[in-house]
Amino acid sequence: MNATLQGAYFMLAARSIGLDCGPMGGFNADTLDDAFFPDGNTKSLFICGIGYGDAEKLFPRSPRLSFDEACTII
């Protein structure tokens, strides 16, 4: 869980200086780890593309539930 939080803060920091982030899961972590971390001491959790995106090529944000639809205050 600590690595996931670090990844989230990494993306927040990148976005705070105007960079776009594209986190990706669903990759073959074993193949990536063998190529980049052959000693076996480091394991990959996710891949994140970072750079300046072309706003015209970005996909629109997917629909989200409103607060009232997603939450109930008790």
PDB file of N, CA and C in Angstrom:
ATOM      1  N   MET A   1       0.822  -1.191   0.000  1.00  0.00           N
ATOM      2  CA  MET A   1       0.000   0.000   0.000  1.00  0.00           C
ATOM      3  C   MET A   1       0.865   1.255   0.000  1.00  0.00           C
ATOM      4  N   ASN A   2       1.991   1.241   0.649  1.00  0.00           N
ATOM      5  CA  ASN A   2       2.864   2.397   0.692  1.00  0.00           C
ATOM      6  C   ASN A   2       3.301   2.801  -0.713  1.00  0.00           C
ATOM      7  N   ALA A   3       3.620   1.820  -1.553  1.00  0.00           N
ATOM      8  CA  ALA A   3       4.053   2.122  -2.917  1.00  0.00           C
ATOM      9  C   ALA A   3       2.925   2.753  -3.725  1.00  0.00           C
ATOM     10  N   THR A   4       1.697   2.324  -3.483  1.00  0.00           N
ATOM     11  CA  THR A   4       0.557   2.901  -4.186  1.00  0.00           C
ATOM     12  C   THR A   4       0.388   4.370  -3.812  1.00  0.00           C
ATOM     13  N   LEU A   5       0.517   4.689  -2.535  1.00  0.00           N
ATOM     14  CA  LEU A   5       0.432   6.089  -2.095  1.00  0.00           C
ATOM     15  C   LEU A   5       1.565   6.919  -2.687  1.00  0.00           C
ATOM     16  N   GLN A   6       2.757   6.361  -2.728  1.00  0.00           N
ATOM     17  CA  GLN A   6       3.886   7.080  -3.316  1.00  0.00           C
ATOM     18  C   GLN A   6       3.638   7.348  -4.795  1.00  0.00           C
ATOM     19  N   GLY A   7       3.062   6.371  -5.487  1.00  0.00           N
ATOM     20  CA  GLY A   7       2.728   6.564  -6.897  1.00  0.00           C
ATOM     21  C   GLY A   7       1.711   7.675  -7.086  1.00  0.00           C
ATOM     22  N   ALA A   8       0.720   7.732  -6.199  1.00  0.00           N
ATOM     23  CA  ALA A   8      -0.296   8.781  -6.281  1.00  0.00           C
ATOM     24  C   ALA A   8       0.317  10.159  -6.053  1.00  0.00           C
ATOM     25  N   TYR A   9       1.195  10.272  -5.068  1.00  0.00           N
ATOM     26  CA  TYR A   9       1.848  11.563  -4.819  1.00  0.00           C
ATOM     27  C   TYR A   9       2.789  11.939  -5.958  1.00  0.00           C
ATOM     28  N   PHE A  10       3.432  10.954  -6.556  1.00  0.00           N
ATOM     29  CA  PHE A  10       4.273  11.185  -7.731  1.00  0.00           C
ATOM     30  C   PHE A  10       3.446  11.826  -8.849  1.00  0.00           C
ATOM     31  N   MET A  11       2.252  11.288  -9.097  1.00  0.00           N
ATOM     32  CA  MET A  11       1.395  11.843 -10.149  1.00  0.00           C
ATOM     33  C   MET A  11       0.851  13.216  -9.763  1.00  0.00           C
ATOM     34  N   LEU A  12       0.510  13.414  -8.488  1.00  0.00           N
ATOM     35  CA  LEU A  12       0.065  14.741  -8.048  1.00  0.00           C
ATOM     36  C   LEU A  12       1.158  15.779  -8.250  1.00  0.00           C
ATOM     37  N   ALA A  13       2.392  15.411  -7.917  1.00  0.00           N
ATOM     38  CA  ALA A  13       3.516  16.342  -8.092  1.00  0.00           C
ATOM     39  C   ALA A  13       3.726  16.656  -9.569  1.00  0.00           C
ATOM     40  N   ALA A  14       3.663  15.636 -10.414  1.00  0.00           N
ATOM     41  CA  ALA A  14       3.845  15.858 -11.852  1.00  0.00           C
ATOM     42  C   ALA A  14       2.745  16.757 -12.400  1.00  0.00           C
ATOM     43  N   ARG A  15       1.515  16.515 -11.996  1.00  0.00           N
ATOM     44  CA  ARG A  15       0.403  17.334 -12.484  1.00  0.00           C
ATOM     45  C   ARG A  15       0.481  18.758 -11.948  1.00  0.00           C
ATOM     46  N   SER A  16       1.045  18.925 -10.758  1.00  0.00           N
ATOM     47  CA  SER A  16       1.143  20.271 -10.179  1.00  0.00           C
ATOM     48  C   SER A  16       2.095  21.162 -10.964  1.00  0.00           C
ATOM     49  N   ILE A  17       2.995  20.563 -11.733  1.00  0.00           N
ATOM     50  CA  ILE A  17       3.903  21.370 -12.565  1.00  0.00           C
ATOM     51  C   ILE A  17       3.509  21.313 -14.042  1.00  0.00           C
ATOM     52  N   GLY A  18       2.261  20.903 -14.295  1.00  0.00           N
ATOM     53  CA  GLY A  18       1.713  20.980 -15.638  1.00  0.00           C
ATOM     54  C   GLY A  18       1.912  19.767 -16.530  1.00  0.00           C
ATOM     55  N   LEU A  19       2.403  18.680 -15.971  1.00  0.00           N
ATOM     56  CA  LEU A  19       2.595  17.476 -16.777  1.00  0.00           C
ATOM     57  C   LEU A  19       1.331  16.619 -16.763  1.00  0.00           C
ATOM     58  N   ASP A  20       1.110  15.902 -17.840  1.00  0.00           N
ATOM     59  CA  ASP A  20       0.012  14.944 -17.903  1.00  0.00           C
ATOM     60  C   ASP A  20       0.543  13.575 -17.515  1.00  0.00           C
ATOM     61  N   CYS A  21      -0.305  12.776 -16.882  1.00  0.00           N
ATOM     62  CA  CYS A  21       0.088  11.438 -16.428  1.00  0.00           C
ATOM     63  C   CYS A  21      -0.879  10.407 -16.980  1.00  0.00           C
ATOM     64  N   GLY A  22      -0.329   9.298 -17.389  1.00  0.00           N
ATOM     65  CA  GLY A  22      -1.138   8.192 -17.889  1.00  0.00           C
ATOM     66  C   GLY A  22      -0.771   6.902 -17.194  1.00  0.00           C
ATOM     67  N   PRO A  23      -1.287   6.678 -15.963  1.00  0.00           N
ATOM     68  CA  PRO A  23      -0.960   5.435 -15.260  1.00  0.00           C
ATOM     69  C   PRO A  23      -1.586   4.236 -15.968  1.00  0.00           C
ATOM     70  N   MET A  24      -0.846   3.141 -15.997  1.00  0.00           N
ATOM     71  CA  MET A  24      -1.308   1.936 -16.692  1.00  0.00           C
ATOM     72  C   MET A  24      -1.106   0.711 -15.817  1.00  0.00           C
ATOM     73  N   GLY A  25      -2.095  -0.118 -15.789  1.00  0.00           N
ATOM     74  CA  GLY A  25      -1.991  -1.422 -15.152  1.00  0.00           C
ATOM     75  C   GLY A  25      -2.228  -2.479 -16.216  1.00  0.00           C
ATOM     76  N   GLY A  26      -2.258  -3.731 -15.809  1.00  0.00           N
ATOM     77  CA  GLY A  26      -2.551  -4.786 -16.759  1.00  0.00           C
ATOM     78  C   GLY A  26      -1.400  -5.151 -17.670  1.00  0.00           C
ATOM     79  N   PHE A  27      -0.199  -4.797 -17.296  1.00  0.00           N
ATOM     80  CA  PHE A  27       0.981  -5.145 -18.085  1.00  0.00           C
ATOM     81  C   PHE A  27       1.627  -6.390 -17.485  1.00  0.00           C
ATOM     82  N   ASN A  28       2.552  -6.975 -18.210  1.00  0.00           N
ATOM     83  CA  ASN A  28       3.250  -8.165 -17.724  1.00  0.00           C
ATOM     84  C   ASN A  28       4.399  -7.718 -16.820  1.00  0.00           C
ATOM     85  N   ALA A  29       4.124  -7.652 -15.531  1.00  0.00           N
ATOM     86  CA  ALA A  29       5.108  -7.142 -14.566  1.00  0.00           C
ATOM     87  C   ALA A  29       6.360  -8.008 -14.515  1.00  0.00           C
ATOM     88  N   ASP A  30       6.216  -9.312 -14.651  1.00  0.00           N
ATOM     89  CA  ASP A  30       7.391 -10.189 -14.596  1.00  0.00           C
ATOM     90  C   ASP A  30       8.359  -9.901 -15.738  1.00  0.00           C
ATOM     91  N   THR A  31       7.826  -9.700 -16.941  1.00  0.00           N
ATOM     92  CA  THR A  31       8.678  -9.390 -18.095  1.00  0.00           C
ATOM     93  C   THR A  31       9.362  -8.043 -17.905  1.00  0.00           C
ATOM     94  N   LEU A  32       8.618  -7.048 -17.432  1.00  0.00           N
ATOM     95  CA  LEU A  32       9.194  -5.726 -17.195  1.00  0.00           C
ATOM     96  C   LEU A  32      10.271  -5.793 -16.122  1.00  0.00           C
ATOM     97  N   ASP A  33       9.983  -6.494 -15.031  1.00  0.00           N
ATOM     98  CA  ASP A  33      10.949  -6.606 -13.934  1.00  0.00           C
ATOM     99  C   ASP A  33      12.214  -7.333 -14.381  1.00  0.00           C
ATOM    100  N   ASP A  34      12.059  -8.377 -15.198  1.00  0.00           N
ATOM    101  CA  ASP A  34      13.235  -9.090 -15.709  1.00  0.00           C
ATOM    102  C   ASP A  34      14.107  -8.182 -16.565  1.00  0.00           C
ATOM    103  N   ALA A  35      13.476  -7.296 -17.344  1.00  0.00           N
ATOM    104  CA  ALA A  35      14.226  -6.408 -18.238  1.00  0.00           C
ATOM    105  C   ALA A  35      14.897  -5.254 -17.499  1.00  0.00           C
ATOM    106  N   PHE A  36      14.199  -4.666 -16.527  1.00  0.00           N
ATOM    107  CA  PHE A  36      14.707  -3.459 -15.876  1.00  0.00           C
ATOM    108  C   PHE A  36      15.276  -3.686 -14.477  1.00  0.00           C
ATOM    109  N   PHE A  37      14.864  -4.744 -13.813  1.00  0.00           N
ATOM    110  CA  PHE A  37      15.316  -5.020 -12.448  1.00  0.00           C
ATOM    111  C   PHE A  37      15.772  -6.475 -12.326  1.00  0.00           C
ATOM    112  N   PRO A  38      16.809  -6.857 -13.074  1.00  0.00           N
ATOM    113  CA  PRO A  38      17.203  -8.275 -13.122  1.00  0.00           C
ATOM    114  C   PRO A  38      17.695  -8.837 -11.786  1.00  0.00           C
ATOM    115  N   ASP A  39      18.101  -7.969 -10.856  1.00  0.00           N
ATOM    116  CA  ASP A  39      18.576  -8.480  -9.561  1.00  0.00           C
ATOM    117  C   ASP A  39      17.436  -8.999  -8.685  1.00  0.00           C
ATOM    118  N   GLY A  40      16.189  -8.673  -9.047  1.00  0.00           N
ATOM    119  CA  GLY A  40      15.035  -9.163  -8.305  1.00  0.00           C
ATOM    120  C   GLY A  40      14.718  -8.404  -7.037  1.00  0.00           C
ATOM    121  N   ASN A  41      15.462  -7.338  -6.737  1.00  0.00           N
ATOM    122  CA  ASN A  41      15.226  -6.573  -5.509  1.00  0.00           C
ATOM    123  C   ASN A  41      14.125  -5.532  -5.648  1.00  0.00           C
ATOM    124  N   THR A  42      13.721  -5.236  -6.878  1.00  0.00           N
ATOM    125  CA  THR A  42      12.702  -4.223  -7.129  1.00  0.00           C
ATOM    126  C   THR A  42      11.589  -4.844  -7.954  1.00  0.00           C
ATOM    127  N   LYS A  43      10.350  -4.517  -7.606  1.00  0.00           N
ATOM    128  CA  LYS A  43       9.187  -5.015  -8.338  1.00  0.00           C
ATOM    129  C   LYS A  43       8.363  -3.834  -8.828  1.00  0.00           C
ATOM    130  N   SER A  44       7.846  -3.937 -10.036  1.00  0.00           N
ATOM    131  CA  SER A  44       7.020  -2.863 -10.585  1.00  0.00           C
ATOM    132  C   SER A  44       5.575  -3.026 -10.119  1.00  0.00           C
ATOM    133  N   LEU A  45       4.924  -1.891  -9.905  1.00  0.00           N
ATOM    134  CA  LEU A  45       3.531  -1.874  -9.473  1.00  0.00           C
ATOM    135  C   LEU A  45       2.633  -1.363 -10.593  1.00  0.00           C
ATOM    136  N   PHE A  46       3.087  -0.311 -11.273  1.00  0.00           N
ATOM    137  CA  PHE A  46       2.352   0.241 -12.400  1.00  0.00           C
ATOM    138  C   PHE A  46       3.331   0.978 -13.295  1.00  0.00           C
ATOM    139  N   ILE A  47       2.863   1.306 -14.482  1.00  0.00           N
ATOM    140  CA  ILE A  47       3.647   2.105 -15.427  1.00  0.00           C
ATOM    141  C   ILE A  47       2.930   3.439 -15.545  1.00  0.00           C
ATOM    142  N   CYS A  48       3.681   4.527 -15.656  1.00  0.00           N
ATOM    143  CA  CYS A  48       3.059   5.839 -15.780  1.00  0.00           C
ATOM    144  C   CYS A  48       3.776   6.641 -16.857  1.00  0.00           C
ATOM    145  N   GLY A  49       3.067   6.892 -17.946  1.00  0.00           N
ATOM    146  CA  GLY A  49       3.598   7.781 -18.973  1.00  0.00           C
ATOM    147  C   GLY A  49       3.430   9.219 -18.510  1.00  0.00           C
ATOM    148  N   ILE A  50       4.489  10.019 -18.642  1.00  0.00           N
ATOM    149  CA  ILE A  50       4.442  11.413 -18.192  1.00  0.00           C
ATOM    150  C   ILE A  50       4.955  12.306 -19.309  1.00  0.00           C
ATOM    151  N   GLY A  51       4.270  13.412 -19.523  1.00  0.00           N
ATOM    152  CA  GLY A  51       4.706  14.358 -20.545  1.00  0.00           C
ATOM    153  C   GLY A  51       3.650  15.422 -20.749  1.00  0.00           C
ATOM    154  N   TYR A  52       3.764  16.109 -21.855  1.00  0.00           N
ATOM    155  CA  TYR A  52       2.805  17.152 -22.197  1.00  0.00           C
ATOM    156  C   TYR A  52       1.871  16.599 -23.267  1.00  0.00           C
ATOM    157  N   GLY A  53       0.628  16.359 -22.887  1.00  0.00           N
ATOM    158  CA  GLY A  53      -0.345  15.801 -23.818  1.00  0.00           C
ATOM    159  C   GLY A  53      -0.910  16.862 -24.745  1.00  0.00           C
ATOM    160  N   ASP A  54      -1.409  16.405 -25.873  1.00  0.00           N
ATOM    161  CA  ASP A  54      -2.102  17.260 -26.825  1.00  0.00           C
ATOM    162  C   ASP A  54      -3.572  17.273 -26.419  1.00  0.00           C
ATOM    163  N   ALA A  55      -4.063  18.411 -25.976  1.00  0.00           N
ATOM    164  CA  ALA A  55      -5.434  18.510 -25.461  1.00  0.00           C
ATOM    165  C   ALA A  55      -6.465  18.050 -26.486  1.00  0.00           C
ATOM    166  N   GLU A  56      -6.169  18.203 -27.771  1.00  0.00           N
ATOM    167  CA  GLU A  56      -7.110  17.786 -28.806  1.00  0.00           C
ATOM    168  C   GLU A  56      -7.178  16.267 -28.951  1.00  0.00           C
ATOM    169  N   LYS A  57      -6.180  15.559 -28.442  1.00  0.00           N
ATOM    170  CA  LYS A  57      -6.152  14.103 -28.572  1.00  0.00           C
ATOM    171  C   LYS A  57      -6.539  13.381 -27.287  1.00  0.00           C
ATOM    172  N   LEU A  58      -6.800  14.126 -26.218  1.00  0.00           N
ATOM    173  CA  LEU A  58      -7.175  13.505 -24.953  1.00  0.00           C
ATOM    174  C   LEU A  58      -8.620  13.032 -25.014  1.00  0.00           C
ATOM    175  N   PHE A  59      -8.879  11.888 -24.400  1.00  0.00           N
ATOM    176  CA  PHE A  59     -10.240  11.391 -24.322  1.00  0.00           C
ATOM    177  C   PHE A  59     -11.005  12.205 -23.288  1.00  0.00           C
ATOM    178  N   PRO A  60     -12.294  12.440 -23.515  1.00  0.00           N
ATOM    179  CA  PRO A  60     -13.077  13.139 -22.495  1.00  0.00           C
ATOM    180  C   PRO A  60     -13.191  12.271 -21.247  1.00  0.00           C
ATOM    181  N   ARG A  61     -13.339  12.919 -20.124  1.00  0.00           N
ATOM    182  CA  ARG A  61     -13.461  12.194 -18.859  1.00  0.00           C
ATOM    183  C   ARG A  61     -14.725  11.345 -18.873  1.00  0.00           C
ATOM    184  N   SER A  62     -14.616  10.136 -18.385  1.00  0.00           N
ATOM    185  CA  SER A  62     -15.772   9.241 -18.302  1.00  0.00           C
ATOM    186  C   SER A  62     -16.779   9.794 -17.304  1.00  0.00           C
ATOM    187  N   PRO A  63     -18.055   9.456 -17.472  1.00  0.00           N
ATOM    188  CA  PRO A  63     -19.071   9.949 -16.532  1.00  0.00           C
ATOM    189  C   PRO A  63     -18.778   9.483 -15.108  1.00  0.00           C
ATOM    190  N   ARG A  64     -19.092  10.329 -14.156  1.00  0.00           N
ATOM    191  CA  ARG A  64     -18.906  10.011 -12.743  1.00  0.00           C
ATOM    192  C   ARG A  64     -20.241  10.176 -12.028  1.00  0.00           C
ATOM    193  N   LEU A  65     -20.431   9.393 -10.983  1.00  0.00           N
ATOM    194  CA  LEU A  65     -21.614   9.571 -10.148  1.00  0.00           C
ATOM    195  C   LEU A  65     -21.493  10.876  -9.376  1.00  0.00           C
ATOM    196  N   SER A  66     -22.619  11.519  -9.130  1.00  0.00           N
ATOM    197  CA  SER A  66     -22.598  12.700  -8.268  1.00  0.00           C
ATOM    198  C   SER A  66     -22.386  12.238  -6.830  1.00  0.00           C
ATOM    199  N   PHE A  67     -22.051  13.165  -5.959  1.00  0.00           N
ATOM    200  CA  PHE A  67     -21.861  12.829  -4.550  1.00  0.00           C
ATOM    201  C   PHE A  67     -23.108  12.162  -3.982  1.00  0.00           C
ATOM    202  N   ASP A  68     -24.276  12.737  -4.281  1.00  0.00           N
ATOM    203  CA  ASP A  68     -25.527  12.197  -3.738  1.00  0.00           C
ATOM    204  C   ASP A  68     -25.828  10.794  -4.260  1.00  0.00           C
ATOM    205  N   GLU A  69     -25.415  10.495  -5.489  1.00  0.00           N
ATOM    206  CA  GLU A  69     -25.636   9.156  -6.036  1.00  0.00           C
ATOM    207  C   GLU A  69     -24.677   8.129  -5.427  1.00  0.00           C
ATOM    208  N   ALA A  70     -23.489   8.568  -5.085  1.00  0.00           N
ATOM    209  CA  ALA A  70     -22.455   7.645  -4.612  1.00  0.00           C
ATOM    210  C   ALA A  70     -22.415   7.501  -3.093  1.00  0.00           C
ATOM    211  N   CYS A  71     -22.945   8.479  -2.362  1.00  0.00           N
ATOM    212  CA  CYS A  71     -22.768   8.485  -0.906  1.00  0.00           C
ATOM    213  C   CYS A  71     -24.096   8.666  -0.178  1.00  0.00           C
ATOM    214  N   THR A  72     -24.155   8.088   0.990  1.00  0.00           N
ATOM    215  CA  THR A  72     -25.274   8.298   1.903  1.00  0.00           C
ATOM    216  C   THR A  72     -24.694   8.730   3.242  1.00  0.00           C
ATOM    217  N   ILE A  73     -25.144   9.860   3.734  1.00  0.00           N
ATOM    218  CA  ILE A  73     -24.676  10.353   5.031  1.00  0.00           C
ATOM    219  C   ILE A  73     -25.609   9.801   6.100  1.00  0.00           C
ATOM    220  N   ILE A  74     -25.011   9.129   7.071  1.00  0.00           N
ATOM    221  CA  ILE A  74     -25.835   8.548   8.138  1.00  0.00           C
ATOM    222  C   ILE A  74     -25.513   9.197   9.469  1.00  0.00           C
TER     223      ILE A  74
END
